[in-house]
């Protein structure tokens, strides 16, 4: 049996497991292959949709007081479309660890069909800091199943520090009895396995004031990626310290140099804009603070082993 057929049969098996657990939002992503396996995929997807619609219909027959609306999935993105928070339902539905999701470009969790829709929305989010819309999106789980959800997408803009956050939520209706059953099940299954590692202060940072100063420099760089960074001496003076303390304190706190951090963050922002928007490479180069497109392309290739244009083409098909 071909490897692709084994993968498709495995996805059908995973889909049936999802249905047996009462999760009817999952779908198997379609292929262009015309055979018996694809016919089964169509039937399983239809079955999940029909069962889900039937249950929603009967839930509406209950009295209004017994129906609850609750958040199914919650994502919070930063202004560069990186995931900075997800709720437990996201990790449960996608079968992914929270650490695998935090810091990831939002487009990476979307199916191929949804990436194009998201790119148009991302373009609008860059232009309108108070943008709000509703869109059906499909998320790819660790088991390769696609989770469909109607999502509310809202931009939240903080004028104080000119930062933008994007809140993406999907909602689901459940009867009160279903909600209680799920709550009991979750409490029984819940296992606390998160261990917080103690924070060891670097030796050069003698007190809390020094640490706060380095953190302020860190935040300043993040909010001024598009502008040239002053010399270390000038930067240190601007934040009331000396070059030595800034240079070595920053490295001990963030395990990188000031200028390497600046370049890495510029390239991260560039990669996210390339993945999530249709902005030209030339404009992205300027937005991210690079002096020229050739300089940008060279730095980008060193980090991602391909040019920005190839990266854009590749991300569309992943």
C-alpha atoms as a PDB file:
ATOM      1  CA  UNK A   1       0.000   0.000   0.000  1.00  0.00           C
ATOM      2  CA  UNK A   2       1.255   3.486  -0.878  1.00  0.00           C
ATOM      3  CA  UNK A   3       2.365   5.748   1.975  1.00  0.00           C
ATOM      4  CA  UNK A   4      -0.208   8.406   1.044  1.00  0.00           C
ATOM      5  CA  UNK A   5      -3.000   5.802   1.243  1.00  0.00           C
ATOM      6  CA  UNK A   6      -1.779   4.668   4.670  1.00  0.00           C
ATOM      7  CA  UNK A   7      -1.866   8.304   5.790  1.00  0.00           C
ATOM      8  CA  UNK A   8      -5.420   8.797   4.467  1.00  0.00           C
ATOM      9  CA  UNK A   9      -6.686   5.633   6.176  1.00  0.00           C
ATOM     10  CA  UNK A  10      -5.018   6.762   9.413  1.00  0.00           C
ATOM     11  CA  UNK A  11      -6.850  10.111   9.114  1.00  0.00           C
ATOM     12  CA  UNK A  12     -10.177   8.287   8.657  1.00  0.00           C
ATOM     13  CA  UNK A  13      -9.420   6.278  11.810  1.00  0.00           C
ATOM     14  CA  UNK A  14      -8.574   9.461  13.754  1.00  0.00           C
ATOM     15  CA  UNK A  15     -11.754  11.095  12.473  1.00  0.00           C
ATOM     16  CA  UNK A  16     -13.896   8.206  13.714  1.00  0.00           C
ATOM     17  CA  UNK A  17     -12.205   8.460  17.122  1.00  0.00           C
ATOM     18  CA  UNK A  18     -13.074  12.180  17.244  1.00  0.00           C
ATOM     19  CA  UNK A  19     -16.717  11.397  16.420  1.00  0.00           C
ATOM     20  CA  UNK A  20     -16.827   8.677  19.099  1.00  0.00           C
ATOM     21  CA  UNK A  21     -15.692  11.307  21.649  1.00  0.00           C
ATOM     22  CA  UNK A  22     -18.495  13.670  20.624  1.00  0.00           C
ATOM     23  CA  UNK A  23     -16.282  16.083  18.656  1.00  0.00           C
ATOM     24  CA  UNK A  24     -18.050  16.839  15.383  1.00  0.00           C
ATOM     25  CA  UNK A  25     -16.086  19.881  14.174  1.00  0.00           C
ATOM     26  CA  UNK A  26     -13.177  17.842  12.817  1.00  0.00           C
ATOM     27  CA  UNK A  27     -12.875  17.220   9.065  1.00  0.00           C
ATOM     28  CA  UNK A  28     -10.480  15.238   6.880  1.00  0.00           C
ATOM     29  CA  UNK A  29      -8.784  17.534   4.384  1.00  0.00           C
ATOM     30  CA  UNK A  30      -9.700  16.538   0.820  1.00  0.00           C
ATOM     31  CA  UNK A  31      -7.186  15.512  -1.842  1.00  0.00           C
ATOM     32  CA  UNK A  32      -7.361  15.528  -5.644  1.00  0.00           C
ATOM     33  CA  UNK A  33      -7.249  11.725  -5.756  1.00  0.00           C
ATOM     34  CA  UNK A  34     -10.390  10.075  -7.187  1.00  0.00           C
ATOM     35  CA  UNK A  35     -10.683   6.629  -5.594  1.00  0.00           C
ATOM     36  CA  UNK A  36     -12.596   4.570  -3.021  1.00  0.00           C
ATOM     37  CA  UNK A  37     -10.668   6.013  -0.069  1.00  0.00           C
ATOM     38  CA  UNK A  38     -11.594   9.559  -1.107  1.00  0.00           C
ATOM     39  CA  UNK A  39     -15.247   8.464  -1.361  1.00  0.00           C
ATOM     40  CA  UNK A  40     -15.065   7.218   2.247  1.00  0.00           C
ATOM     41  CA  UNK A  41     -13.487  10.541   3.284  1.00  0.00           C
ATOM     42  CA  UNK A  42     -16.441  12.414   1.767  1.00  0.00           C
ATOM     43  CA  UNK A  43     -18.949  10.156   3.555  1.00  0.00           C
ATOM     44  CA  UNK A  44     -17.199  10.443   6.952  1.00  0.00           C
ATOM     45  CA  UNK A  45     -17.047  14.251   6.656  1.00  0.00           C
ATOM     46  CA  UNK A  46     -20.747  14.357   5.726  1.00  0.00           C
ATOM     47  CA  UNK A  47     -21.625  12.059   8.638  1.00  0.00           C
ATOM     48  CA  UNK A  48     -19.809  14.297  11.143  1.00  0.00           C
ATOM     49  CA  UNK A  49     -21.538  17.395   9.763  1.00  0.00           C
ATOM     50  CA  UNK A  50     -24.991  15.766   9.818  1.00  0.00           C
ATOM     51  CA  UNK A  51     -24.600  14.499  13.401  1.00  0.00           C
ATOM     52  CA  UNK A  52     -23.320  17.899  14.554  1.00  0.00           C
ATOM     53  CA  UNK A  53     -26.224  19.753  12.935  1.00  0.00           C
ATOM     54  CA  UNK A  54     -28.752  17.289  14.369  1.00  0.00           C
ATOM     55  CA  UNK A  55     -27.411  17.692  17.908  1.00  0.00           C
ATOM     56  CA  UNK A  56     -27.414  21.487  17.581  1.00  0.00           C
ATOM     57  CA  UNK A  57     -31.028  21.341  16.415  1.00  0.00           C
ATOM     58  CA  UNK A  58     -32.154  19.255  19.392  1.00  0.00           C
ATOM     59  CA  UNK A  59     -30.196  21.446  21.810  1.00  0.00           C
ATOM     60  CA  UNK A  60     -32.265  24.400  20.588  1.00  0.00           C
ATOM     61  CA  UNK A  61     -35.448  22.562  21.576  1.00  0.00           C
ATOM     62  CA  UNK A  62     -34.429  22.942  25.219  1.00  0.00           C
ATOM     63  CA  UNK A  63     -35.595  25.972  27.150  1.00  0.00           C
ATOM     64  CA  UNK A  64     -33.405  29.089  26.562  1.00  0.00           C
ATOM     65  CA  UNK A  65     -32.181  28.981  30.141  1.00  0.00           C
ATOM     66  CA  UNK A  66     -30.593  25.548  29.595  1.00  0.00           C
ATOM     67  CA  UNK A  67     -28.457  26.589  26.600  1.00  0.00           C
ATOM     68  CA  UNK A  68     -25.055  28.136  27.216  1.00  0.00           C
ATOM     69  CA  UNK A  69     -22.685  29.912  24.845  1.00  0.00           C
ATOM     70  CA  UNK A  70     -19.027  29.383  25.680  1.00  0.00           C
ATOM     71  CA  UNK A  71     -15.681  30.024  24.065  1.00  0.00           C
ATOM     72  CA  UNK A  72     -14.508  26.948  22.216  1.00  0.00           C
ATOM     73  CA  UNK A  73     -11.103  28.188  21.053  1.00  0.00           C
ATOM     74  CA  UNK A  74      -9.246  31.369  21.970  1.00  0.00           C
ATOM     75  CA  UNK A  75      -6.098  32.694  20.305  1.00  0.00           C
ATOM     76  CA  UNK A  76      -4.353  35.981  21.096  1.00  0.00           C
ATOM     77  CA  UNK A  77      -1.802  37.204  18.531  1.00  0.00           C
ATOM     78  CA  UNK A  78       0.699  40.032  18.699  1.00  0.00           C
ATOM     79  CA  UNK A  79       0.956  42.731  16.026  1.00  0.00           C
ATOM     80  CA  UNK A  80       3.184  40.434  13.952  1.00  0.00           C
ATOM     81  CA  UNK A  81       0.534  37.662  13.916  1.00  0.00           C
ATOM     82  CA  UNK A  82       2.461  35.426  16.317  1.00  0.00           C
ATOM     83  CA  UNK A  83       0.487  33.371  18.825  1.00  0.00           C
ATOM     84  CA  UNK A  84       1.118  34.651  22.352  1.00  0.00           C
ATOM     85  CA  UNK A  85      -1.760  32.858  24.142  1.00  0.00           C
ATOM     86  CA  UNK A  86      -4.111  29.922  23.564  1.00  0.00           C
ATOM     87  CA  UNK A  87      -6.708  28.430  25.876  1.00  0.00           C
ATOM     88  CA  UNK A  88      -6.866  24.746  26.833  1.00  0.00           C
ATOM     89  CA  UNK A  89      -9.461  23.958  24.163  1.00  0.00           C
ATOM     90  CA  UNK A  90      -6.992  24.911  21.423  1.00  0.00           C
ATOM     91  CA  UNK A  91      -4.396  22.426  22.692  1.00  0.00           C
ATOM     92  CA  UNK A  92      -7.136  19.830  23.155  1.00  0.00           C
ATOM     93  CA  UNK A  93      -8.598  20.225  19.663  1.00  0.00           C
ATOM     94  CA  UNK A  94      -5.287  20.531  17.811  1.00  0.00           C
ATOM     95  CA  UNK A  95      -3.522  17.877  19.913  1.00  0.00           C
ATOM     96  CA  UNK A  96      -0.537  20.199  20.256  1.00  0.00           C
ATOM     97  CA  UNK A  97       1.501  21.244  23.270  1.00  0.00           C
ATOM     98  CA  UNK A  98       1.142  24.895  24.328  1.00  0.00           C
ATOM     99  CA  UNK A  99       4.900  25.360  23.946  1.00  0.00           C
ATOM    100  CA  UNK A 100       4.636  24.261  20.309  1.00  0.00           C
ATOM    101  CA  UNK A 101       2.045  26.974  19.632  1.00  0.00           C
ATOM    102  CA  UNK A 102       3.375  29.994  21.528  1.00  0.00           C
ATOM    103  CA  UNK A 103       5.525  32.144  19.267  1.00  0.00           C
ATOM    104  CA  UNK A 104       4.315  30.380  16.120  1.00  0.00           C
ATOM    105  CA  UNK A 105       2.939  32.276  13.140  1.00  0.00           C
ATOM    106  CA  UNK A 106      -0.873  31.949  13.163  1.00  0.00           C
ATOM    107  CA  UNK A 107      -0.917  30.921   9.491  1.00  0.00           C
ATOM    108  CA  UNK A 108       1.015  27.748  10.374  1.00  0.00           C
ATOM    109  CA  UNK A 109      -1.989  26.286  12.240  1.00  0.00           C
ATOM    110  CA  UNK A 110      -4.370  26.946   9.325  1.00  0.00           C
ATOM    111  CA  UNK A 111      -5.278  24.585   6.498  1.00  0.00           C
ATOM    112  CA  UNK A 112      -4.278  25.410   2.913  1.00  0.00           C
ATOM    113  CA  UNK A 113      -7.818  26.582   2.101  1.00  0.00           C
ATOM    114  CA  UNK A 114      -7.901  29.008   5.041  1.00  0.00           C
ATOM    115  CA  UNK A 115      -4.467  30.565   4.497  1.00  0.00           C
ATOM    116  CA  UNK A 116      -5.714  32.644   1.563  1.00  0.00           C
ATOM    117  CA  UNK A 117      -8.697  33.953   3.569  1.00  0.00           C
ATOM    118  CA  UNK A 118      -6.436  34.756   6.515  1.00  0.00           C
ATOM    119  CA  UNK A 119      -3.964  36.624   4.308  1.00  0.00           C
ATOM    120  CA  UNK A 120      -6.712  39.023   3.196  1.00  0.00           C
ATOM    121  CA  UNK A 121      -7.777  39.547   6.818  1.00  0.00           C
ATOM    122  CA  UNK A 122      -4.155  40.126   7.894  1.00  0.00           C
ATOM    123  CA  UNK A 123      -3.803  42.818   5.235  1.00  0.00           C
ATOM    124  CA  UNK A 124      -6.862  44.580   6.698  1.00  0.00           C
ATOM    125  CA  UNK A 125      -5.544  44.232  10.255  1.00  0.00           C
ATOM    126  CA  UNK A 126      -2.380  46.092   9.252  1.00  0.00           C
ATOM    127  CA  UNK A 127      -4.428  48.946   7.786  1.00  0.00           C
ATOM    128  CA  UNK A 128      -7.189  49.176  10.416  1.00  0.00           C
ATOM    129  CA  UNK A 129      -6.242  48.888  14.107  1.00  0.00           C
ATOM    130  CA  UNK A 130      -9.938  48.573  15.052  1.00  0.00           C
ATOM    131  CA  UNK A 131     -10.785  45.903  12.482  1.00  0.00           C
ATOM    132  CA  UNK A 132     -13.417  43.290  13.327  1.00  0.00           C
ATOM    133  CA  UNK A 133     -14.834  40.490  11.223  1.00  0.00           C
ATOM    134  CA  UNK A 134     -16.234  36.973  11.298  1.00  0.00           C
ATOM    135  CA  UNK A 135     -14.718  34.230   9.150  1.00  0.00           C
ATOM    136  CA  UNK A 136     -14.907  30.456   8.866  1.00  0.00           C
ATOM    137  CA  UNK A 137     -11.394  29.066   9.404  1.00  0.00           C
ATOM    138  CA  UNK A 138      -9.988  25.544   9.314  1.00  0.00           C
ATOM    139  CA  UNK A 139      -7.227  24.513  11.730  1.00  0.00           C
ATOM    140  CA  UNK A 140      -4.841  21.605  11.137  1.00  0.00           C
ATOM    141  CA  UNK A 141      -4.457  19.299  14.139  1.00  0.00           C
ATOM    142  CA  UNK A 142      -1.452  17.138  15.034  1.00  0.00           C
ATOM    143  CA  UNK A 143      -3.375  14.144  13.659  1.00  0.00           C
ATOM    144  CA  UNK A 144      -3.739  15.947  10.271  1.00  0.00           C
ATOM    145  CA  UNK A 145      -7.490  16.352  10.764  1.00  0.00           C
ATOM    146  CA  UNK A 146      -8.963  19.767   9.982  1.00  0.00           C
ATOM    147  CA  UNK A 147     -11.004  21.511  12.713  1.00  0.00           C
ATOM    148  CA  UNK A 148     -13.578  23.916  11.275  1.00  0.00           C
ATOM    149  CA  UNK A 149     -14.816  26.901  13.289  1.00  0.00           C
ATOM    150  CA  UNK A 150     -16.648  30.186  12.739  1.00  0.00           C
ATOM    151  CA  UNK A 151     -14.242  32.717  14.265  1.00  0.00           C
ATOM    152  CA  UNK A 152     -14.646  36.277  15.497  1.00  0.00           C
ATOM    153  CA  UNK A 153     -11.465  38.227  14.692  1.00  0.00           C
ATOM    154  CA  UNK A 154     -10.967  41.501  16.569  1.00  0.00           C
ATOM    155  CA  UNK A 155      -8.047  43.936  16.645  1.00  0.00           C
ATOM    156  CA  UNK A 156      -7.243  45.599  19.979  1.00  0.00           C
ATOM    157  CA  UNK A 157      -4.973  48.663  19.808  1.00  0.00           C
ATOM    158  CA  UNK A 158      -3.144  50.208  22.770  1.00  0.00           C
ATOM    159  CA  UNK A 159      -2.452  53.894  22.079  1.00  0.00           C
ATOM    160  CA  UNK A 160      -0.088  54.178  25.042  1.00  0.00           C
ATOM    161  CA  UNK A 161       2.663  51.995  23.566  1.00  0.00           C
ATOM    162  CA  UNK A 162       1.288  51.685  20.013  1.00  0.00           C
ATOM    163  CA  UNK A 163       0.947  47.927  20.359  1.00  0.00           C
ATOM    164  CA  UNK A 164      -1.666  45.820  18.604  1.00  0.00           C
ATOM    165  CA  UNK A 165      -3.197  42.519  19.659  1.00  0.00           C
ATOM    166  CA  UNK A 166      -5.535  40.308  17.642  1.00  0.00           C
ATOM    167  CA  UNK A 167      -8.134  38.237  19.508  1.00  0.00           C
ATOM    168  CA  UNK A 168      -9.570  35.231  17.661  1.00  0.00           C
ATOM    169  CA  UNK A 169     -12.438  33.325  19.258  1.00  0.00           C
ATOM    170  CA  UNK A 170     -14.868  30.609  18.234  1.00  0.00           C
ATOM    171  CA  UNK A 171     -18.069  29.867  20.150  1.00  0.00           C
ATOM    172  CA  UNK A 172     -20.163  26.753  20.631  1.00  0.00           C
ATOM    173  CA  UNK A 173     -23.624  26.115  22.055  1.00  0.00           C
ATOM    174  CA  UNK A 174     -24.164  23.400  24.651  1.00  0.00           C
ATOM    175  CA  UNK A 175     -27.001  22.370  26.881  1.00  0.00           C
ATOM    176  CA  UNK A 176     -26.482  22.830  30.600  1.00  0.00           C
ATOM    177  CA  UNK A 177     -26.329  19.061  31.144  1.00  0.00           C
ATOM    178  CA  UNK A 178     -23.624  18.683  28.459  1.00  0.00           C
ATOM    179  CA  UNK A 179     -21.654  21.522  30.025  1.00  0.00           C
ATOM    180  CA  UNK A 180     -21.812  19.915  33.487  1.00  0.00           C
ATOM    181  CA  UNK A 181     -20.804  16.507  32.096  1.00  0.00           C
ATOM    182  CA  UNK A 182     -17.829  17.993  30.259  1.00  0.00           C
ATOM    183  CA  UNK A 183     -16.780  19.964  33.326  1.00  0.00           C
ATOM    184  CA  UNK A 184     -16.815  16.841  35.499  1.00  0.00           C
ATOM    185  CA  UNK A 185     -14.884  14.897  32.853  1.00  0.00           C
ATOM    186  CA  UNK A 186     -12.240  17.617  32.569  1.00  0.00           C
ATOM    187  CA  UNK A 187     -11.780  17.795  36.333  1.00  0.00           C
ATOM    188  CA  UNK A 188     -11.325  14.030  36.535  1.00  0.00           C
ATOM    189  CA  UNK A 189      -8.829  14.001  33.628  1.00  0.00           C
ATOM    190  CA  UNK A 190      -6.903  17.123  34.634  1.00  0.00           C
ATOM    191  CA  UNK A 191      -3.305  16.530  35.669  1.00  0.00           C
ATOM    192  CA  UNK A 192      -1.066  19.347  36.773  1.00  0.00           C
ATOM    193  CA  UNK A 193       2.267  18.786  35.002  1.00  0.00           C
ATOM    194  CA  UNK A 194       3.587  22.310  34.532  1.00  0.00           C
ATOM    195  CA  UNK A 195       6.769  22.914  36.475  1.00  0.00           C
ATOM    196  CA  UNK A 196       8.021  26.483  36.780  1.00  0.00           C
ATOM    197  CA  UNK A 197      11.777  26.799  36.684  1.00  0.00           C
ATOM    198  CA  UNK A 198      13.293  29.262  39.165  1.00  0.00           C
ATOM    199  CA  UNK A 199      14.696  32.454  37.654  1.00  0.00           C
ATOM    200  CA  UNK A 200      18.399  32.918  38.304  1.00  0.00           C
ATOM    201  CA  UNK A 201      19.449  36.529  38.037  1.00  0.00           C
ATOM    202  CA  UNK A 202      22.642  37.120  36.047  1.00  0.00           C
ATOM    203  CA  UNK A 203      25.631  38.063  38.191  1.00  0.00           C
ATOM    204  CA  UNK A 204      26.172  41.394  36.448  1.00  0.00           C
ATOM    205  CA  UNK A 205      22.634  42.519  37.249  1.00  0.00           C
ATOM    206  CA  UNK A 206      22.993  43.248  40.938  1.00  0.00           C
ATOM    207  CA  UNK A 207      19.471  44.411  41.649  1.00  0.00           C
ATOM    208  CA  UNK A 208      15.919  44.658  40.364  1.00  0.00           C
ATOM    209  CA  UNK A 209      16.554  48.157  39.000  1.00  0.00           C
ATOM    210  CA  UNK A 210      19.279  46.867  36.633  1.00  0.00           C
ATOM    211  CA  UNK A 211      17.011  44.089  35.376  1.00  0.00           C
ATOM    212  CA  UNK A 212      14.144  46.528  34.745  1.00  0.00           C
ATOM    213  CA  UNK A 213      16.538  48.763  32.798  1.00  0.00           C
ATOM    214  CA  UNK A 214      17.631  45.899  30.517  1.00  0.00           C
ATOM    215  CA  UNK A 215      13.988  44.907  30.008  1.00  0.00           C
ATOM    216  CA  UNK A 216      13.170  48.490  28.974  1.00  0.00           C
ATOM    217  CA  UNK A 217      15.951  48.388  26.366  1.00  0.00           C
ATOM    218  CA  UNK A 218      14.555  45.060  25.152  1.00  0.00           C
ATOM    219  CA  UNK A 219      11.053  46.552  24.808  1.00  0.00           C
ATOM    220  CA  UNK A 220      12.416  49.683  23.138  1.00  0.00           C
ATOM    221  CA  UNK A 221      14.093  47.576  20.445  1.00  0.00           C
ATOM    222  CA  UNK A 222      10.907  45.565  19.839  1.00  0.00           C
ATOM    223  CA  UNK A 223       8.871  48.745  19.341  1.00  0.00           C
ATOM    224  CA  UNK A 224      11.427  50.421  17.063  1.00  0.00           C
ATOM    225  CA  UNK A 225      12.429  47.653  14.671  1.00  0.00           C
ATOM    226  CA  UNK A 226      11.836  49.932  11.676  1.00  0.00           C
ATOM    227  CA  UNK A 227      14.296  52.620  12.834  1.00  0.00           C
ATOM    228  CA  UNK A 228      18.126  52.525  13.020  1.00  0.00           C
ATOM    229  CA  UNK A 229      19.415  51.570  16.464  1.00  0.00           C
ATOM    230  CA  UNK A 230      21.828  54.027  18.157  1.00  0.00           C
ATOM    231  CA  UNK A 231      25.308  52.872  19.144  1.00  0.00           C
ATOM    232  CA  UNK A 232      25.571  50.893  22.390  1.00  0.00           C
ATOM    233  CA  UNK A 233      27.146  53.887  24.103  1.00  0.00           C
ATOM    234  CA  UNK A 234      24.292  56.237  23.111  1.00  0.00           C
ATOM    235  CA  UNK A 235      21.644  53.603  23.843  1.00  0.00           C
ATOM    236  CA  UNK A 236      23.093  52.949  27.294  1.00  0.00           C
ATOM    237  CA  UNK A 237      23.216  56.694  28.036  1.00  0.00           C
ATOM    238  CA  UNK A 238      19.563  57.073  26.986  1.00  0.00           C
ATOM    239  CA  UNK A 239      18.562  54.480  29.585  1.00  0.00           C
ATOM    240  CA  UNK A 240      20.763  55.788  32.384  1.00  0.00           C
ATOM    241  CA  UNK A 241      23.447  53.115  32.387  1.00  0.00           C
ATOM    242  CA  UNK A 242      26.868  52.417  30.876  1.00  0.00           C
ATOM    243  CA  UNK A 243      27.876  50.480  27.778  1.00  0.00           C
ATOM    244  CA  UNK A 244      29.493  47.646  29.756  1.00  0.00           C
ATOM    245  CA  UNK A 245      26.409  46.940  31.865  1.00  0.00           C
ATOM    246  CA  UNK A 246      24.104  47.147  28.836  1.00  0.00           C
ATOM    247  CA  UNK A 247      26.298  44.922  26.665  1.00  0.00           C
ATOM    248  CA  UNK A 248      26.929  42.132  29.159  1.00  0.00           C
ATOM    249  CA  UNK A 249      23.703  42.518  31.126  1.00  0.00           C
ATOM    250  CA  UNK A 250      21.614  42.116  27.961  1.00  0.00           C
ATOM    251  CA  UNK A 251      23.559  39.033  26.914  1.00  0.00           C
ATOM    252  CA  UNK A 252      23.222  37.378  30.323  1.00  0.00           C
ATOM    253  CA  UNK A 253      19.502  38.133  30.568  1.00  0.00           C
ATOM    254  CA  UNK A 254      18.511  37.244  26.986  1.00  0.00           C
ATOM    255  CA  UNK A 255      21.437  35.007  25.921  1.00  0.00           C
ATOM    256  CA  UNK A 256      22.191  37.093  22.827  1.00  0.00           C
ATOM    257  CA  UNK A 257      23.808  40.410  21.942  1.00  0.00           C
ATOM    258  CA  UNK A 258      21.829  43.615  21.445  1.00  0.00           C
ATOM    259  CA  UNK A 259      22.456  43.809  17.705  1.00  0.00           C
ATOM    260  CA  UNK A 260      21.891  40.099  17.062  1.00  0.00           C
ATOM    261  CA  UNK A 261      18.591  40.397  18.913  1.00  0.00           C
ATOM    262  CA  UNK A 262      17.655  43.380  16.724  1.00  0.00           C
ATOM    263  CA  UNK A 263      18.417  41.521  13.469  1.00  0.00           C
ATOM    264  CA  UNK A 264      16.644  38.340  14.637  1.00  0.00           C
ATOM    265  CA  UNK A 265      13.504  40.254  15.607  1.00  0.00           C
ATOM    266  CA  UNK A 266      13.499  42.162  12.312  1.00  0.00           C
ATOM    267  CA  UNK A 267      13.783  38.876  10.414  1.00  0.00           C
ATOM    268  CA  UNK A 268      11.060  37.245  12.546  1.00  0.00           C
ATOM    269  CA  UNK A 269       8.723  40.148  11.821  1.00  0.00           C
ATOM    270  CA  UNK A 270       9.603  39.950   8.123  1.00  0.00           C
ATOM    271  CA  UNK A 271       8.904  36.204   7.983  1.00  0.00           C
ATOM    272  CA  UNK A 272       5.509  36.698   9.653  1.00  0.00           C
ATOM    273  CA  UNK A 273       4.558  39.479   7.233  1.00  0.00           C
ATOM    274  CA  UNK A 274       5.644  37.303   4.296  1.00  0.00           C
ATOM    275  CA  UNK A 275       3.572  34.366   5.587  1.00  0.00           C
ATOM    276  CA  UNK A 276       0.462  36.258   6.624  1.00  0.00           C
ATOM    277  CA  UNK A 277       0.135  39.173   4.183  1.00  0.00           C
ATOM    278  CA  UNK A 278       0.477  39.999   0.495  1.00  0.00           C
ATOM    279  CA  UNK A 279       2.705  43.064   1.084  1.00  0.00           C
ATOM    280  CA  UNK A 280       5.577  43.288  -1.413  1.00  0.00           C
ATOM    281  CA  UNK A 281       9.053  42.093  -0.390  1.00  0.00           C
ATOM    282  CA  UNK A 282      10.411  45.609  -0.955  1.00  0.00           C
ATOM    283  CA  UNK A 283       7.847  47.131   1.430  1.00  0.00           C
ATOM    284  CA  UNK A 284       8.466  44.443   4.053  1.00  0.00           C
ATOM    285  CA  UNK A 285      12.197  45.150   3.842  1.00  0.00           C
ATOM    286  CA  UNK A 286      11.532  48.828   4.608  1.00  0.00           C
ATOM    287  CA  UNK A 287       8.924  48.135   7.326  1.00  0.00           C
ATOM    288  CA  UNK A 288      11.395  45.874   9.141  1.00  0.00           C
ATOM    289  CA  UNK A 289      14.211  48.436   9.130  1.00  0.00           C
ATOM    290  CA  UNK A 290      16.552  47.066   6.463  1.00  0.00           C
ATOM    291  CA  UNK A 291      18.493  49.602   4.390  1.00  0.00           C
ATOM    292  CA  UNK A 292      17.999  47.778   1.081  1.00  0.00           C
ATOM    293  CA  UNK A 293      16.314  44.716  -0.419  1.00  0.00           C
ATOM    294  CA  UNK A 294      19.662  42.988  -1.208  1.00  0.00           C
ATOM    295  CA  UNK A 295      20.804  43.471   2.407  1.00  0.00           C
ATOM    296  CA  UNK A 296      17.450  42.136   3.634  1.00  0.00           C
ATOM    297  CA  UNK A 297      17.527  39.123   1.277  1.00  0.00           C
ATOM    298  CA  UNK A 298      21.068  38.213   2.327  1.00  0.00           C
ATOM    299  CA  UNK A 299      20.252  38.351   6.052  1.00  0.00           C
ATOM    300  CA  UNK A 300      16.968  36.481   5.492  1.00  0.00           C
ATOM    301  CA  UNK A 301      18.688  33.691   3.552  1.00  0.00           C
ATOM    302  CA  UNK A 302      21.307  33.269   6.283  1.00  0.00           C
ATOM    303  CA  UNK A 303      18.568  32.687   8.873  1.00  0.00           C
ATOM    304  CA  UNK A 304      15.959  30.744   6.858  1.00  0.00           C
ATOM    305  CA  UNK A 305      18.159  29.103   4.173  1.00  0.00           C
ATOM    306  CA  UNK A 306      16.062  30.581   1.361  1.00  0.00           C
ATOM    307  CA  UNK A 307      15.211  33.968  -0.149  1.00  0.00           C
ATOM    308  CA  UNK A 308      12.091  35.903   0.961  1.00  0.00           C
ATOM    309  CA  UNK A 309      10.345  35.139  -2.352  1.00  0.00           C
ATOM    310  CA  UNK A 310      10.964  31.394  -2.073  1.00  0.00           C
ATOM    311  CA  UNK A 311       9.848  31.525   1.581  1.00  0.00           C
ATOM    312  CA  UNK A 312       6.537  33.099   0.531  1.00  0.00           C
ATOM    313  CA  UNK A 313       5.928  30.472  -2.148  1.00  0.00           C
ATOM    314  CA  UNK A 314       6.819  27.648   0.242  1.00  0.00           C
ATOM    315  CA  UNK A 315       4.589  28.915   3.073  1.00  0.00           C
ATOM    316  CA  UNK A 316       1.564  28.960   0.758  1.00  0.00           C
ATOM    317  CA  UNK A 317       1.874  25.236   0.101  1.00  0.00           C
ATOM    318  CA  UNK A 318       2.732  24.019   3.570  1.00  0.00           C
END
